[in-house]
């Protein structure tokens, strides 16, 4: 859940500091609905809003790991460079 809260904080920073970047509908609607709470001077209110958005994001936003294909390509290129080093010596 901590990673989700970090993601919410990051997306909130993008939302408030980068007006040219369009966010996914989920983020846009969540931040509009919780704008007052996220701008609150009371830390507990902000944290509660972040926690609530992070819980909702589990359902709507999927955090993807690097594709397996990219890992396979990386391993293949590493093997090729090792092979070249062996033949060069």
Protein backbone atom coordinates (compact mmCIF):
# COMPACT_ATOMS: atom_id res chain seq x y z
CA UNK A 1 0.00 0.00 0.00
CA UNK A 2 2.95 2.30 0.64
CA UNK A 3 3.90 2.11 -3.05
CA UNK A 4 0.36 3.11 -3.97
CA UNK A 5 0.53 6.12 -1.67
CA UNK A 6 3.83 7.14 -3.26
CA UNK A 7 2.16 6.83 -6.66
CA UNK A 8 -0.77 8.99 -5.51
CA UNK A 9 1.65 11.63 -4.20
CA UNK A 10 3.55 11.59 -7.48
CA UNK A 11 0.38 11.88 -9.56
CA UNK A 12 -0.85 14.72 -7.30
CA UNK A 13 2.43 16.55 -7.96
CA UNK A 14 1.93 16.04 -11.69
CA UNK A 15 -1.68 17.22 -11.42
CA UNK A 16 -0.78 20.39 -9.51
CA UNK A 17 2.51 21.28 -11.20
CA UNK A 18 2.14 20.18 -14.82
CA UNK A 19 -1.03 21.65 -16.31
CA UNK A 20 -0.05 20.54 -19.83
CA UNK A 21 0.04 16.86 -18.92
CA UNK A 22 -3.33 15.14 -19.15
CA UNK A 23 -3.90 12.47 -16.56
CA UNK A 24 -6.01 9.36 -16.87
CA UNK A 25 -9.67 9.90 -16.09
CA UNK A 26 -9.33 8.10 -12.74
CA UNK A 27 -6.66 10.51 -11.47
CA UNK A 28 -8.44 13.58 -12.81
CA UNK A 29 -11.73 12.67 -11.12
CA UNK A 30 -10.11 11.55 -7.86
CA UNK A 31 -8.12 14.76 -7.50
CA UNK A 32 -11.09 16.95 -8.39
CA UNK A 33 -13.24 15.17 -5.78
CA UNK A 34 -10.57 15.35 -3.06
CA UNK A 35 -9.08 18.74 -3.95
CA UNK A 36 -10.10 20.43 -0.69
CA UNK A 37 -8.72 17.57 1.42
CA UNK A 38 -5.47 17.32 -0.54
CA UNK A 39 -4.88 21.05 -0.07
CA UNK A 40 -5.74 20.98 3.63
CA UNK A 41 -3.34 22.44 6.18
CA UNK A 42 -4.09 19.47 8.44
CA UNK A 43 -1.69 16.60 7.71
CA UNK A 44 -4.15 13.93 8.88
CA UNK A 45 -6.77 15.16 6.40
CA UNK A 46 -4.27 15.06 3.51
CA UNK A 47 -3.03 11.60 4.53
CA UNK A 48 -6.59 10.27 4.76
CA UNK A 49 -7.36 11.55 1.26
CA UNK A 50 -4.16 10.02 -0.13
CA UNK A 51 -4.93 6.74 1.60
CA UNK A 52 -8.47 6.67 0.20
CA UNK A 53 -7.30 7.44 -3.34
CA UNK A 54 -4.59 4.78 -3.09
CA UNK A 55 -7.22 2.20 -2.06
CA UNK A 56 -9.41 3.18 -5.01
CA UNK A 57 -6.43 3.05 -7.37
CA UNK A 58 -5.96 -0.67 -6.65
CA UNK A 59 -9.19 -1.28 -8.50
CA UNK A 60 -8.64 1.11 -11.40
CA UNK A 61 -4.90 1.58 -11.94
CA UNK A 62 -2.60 -1.34 -12.61
CA UNK A 63 1.10 -0.92 -11.92
CA UNK A 64 2.90 -2.95 -14.54
CA UNK A 65 6.25 -4.57 -14.04
CA UNK A 66 8.72 -4.43 -16.94
CA UNK A 67 7.54 -6.79 -19.67
CA UNK A 68 9.16 -10.21 -19.66
CA UNK A 69 10.17 -9.64 -23.26
CA UNK A 70 12.35 -6.67 -22.33
CA UNK A 71 14.05 -8.76 -19.65
CA UNK A 72 14.66 -11.53 -22.19
CA UNK A 73 16.11 -9.05 -24.69
CA UNK A 74 18.38 -7.63 -21.99
CA UNK A 75 19.64 -11.12 -21.07
CA UNK A 76 20.19 -12.01 -24.73
CA UNK A 77 22.22 -8.86 -25.39
CA UNK A 78 24.23 -9.52 -22.22
CA UNK A 79 25.00 -13.06 -23.41
CA UNK A 80 26.01 -11.73 -26.83
CA UNK A 81 28.42 -9.20 -25.34
CA UNK A 82 29.90 -11.87 -23.05
CA UNK A 83 30.33 -14.12 -26.07
CA UNK A 84 32.08 -11.33 -28.01
CA UNK A 85 34.42 -10.71 -25.08
CA UNK A 86 35.37 -14.40 -24.94
CA UNK A 87 36.10 -14.55 -28.67
CA UNK A 88 38.12 -11.32 -28.52
CA UNK A 89 40.52 -12.74 -25.91
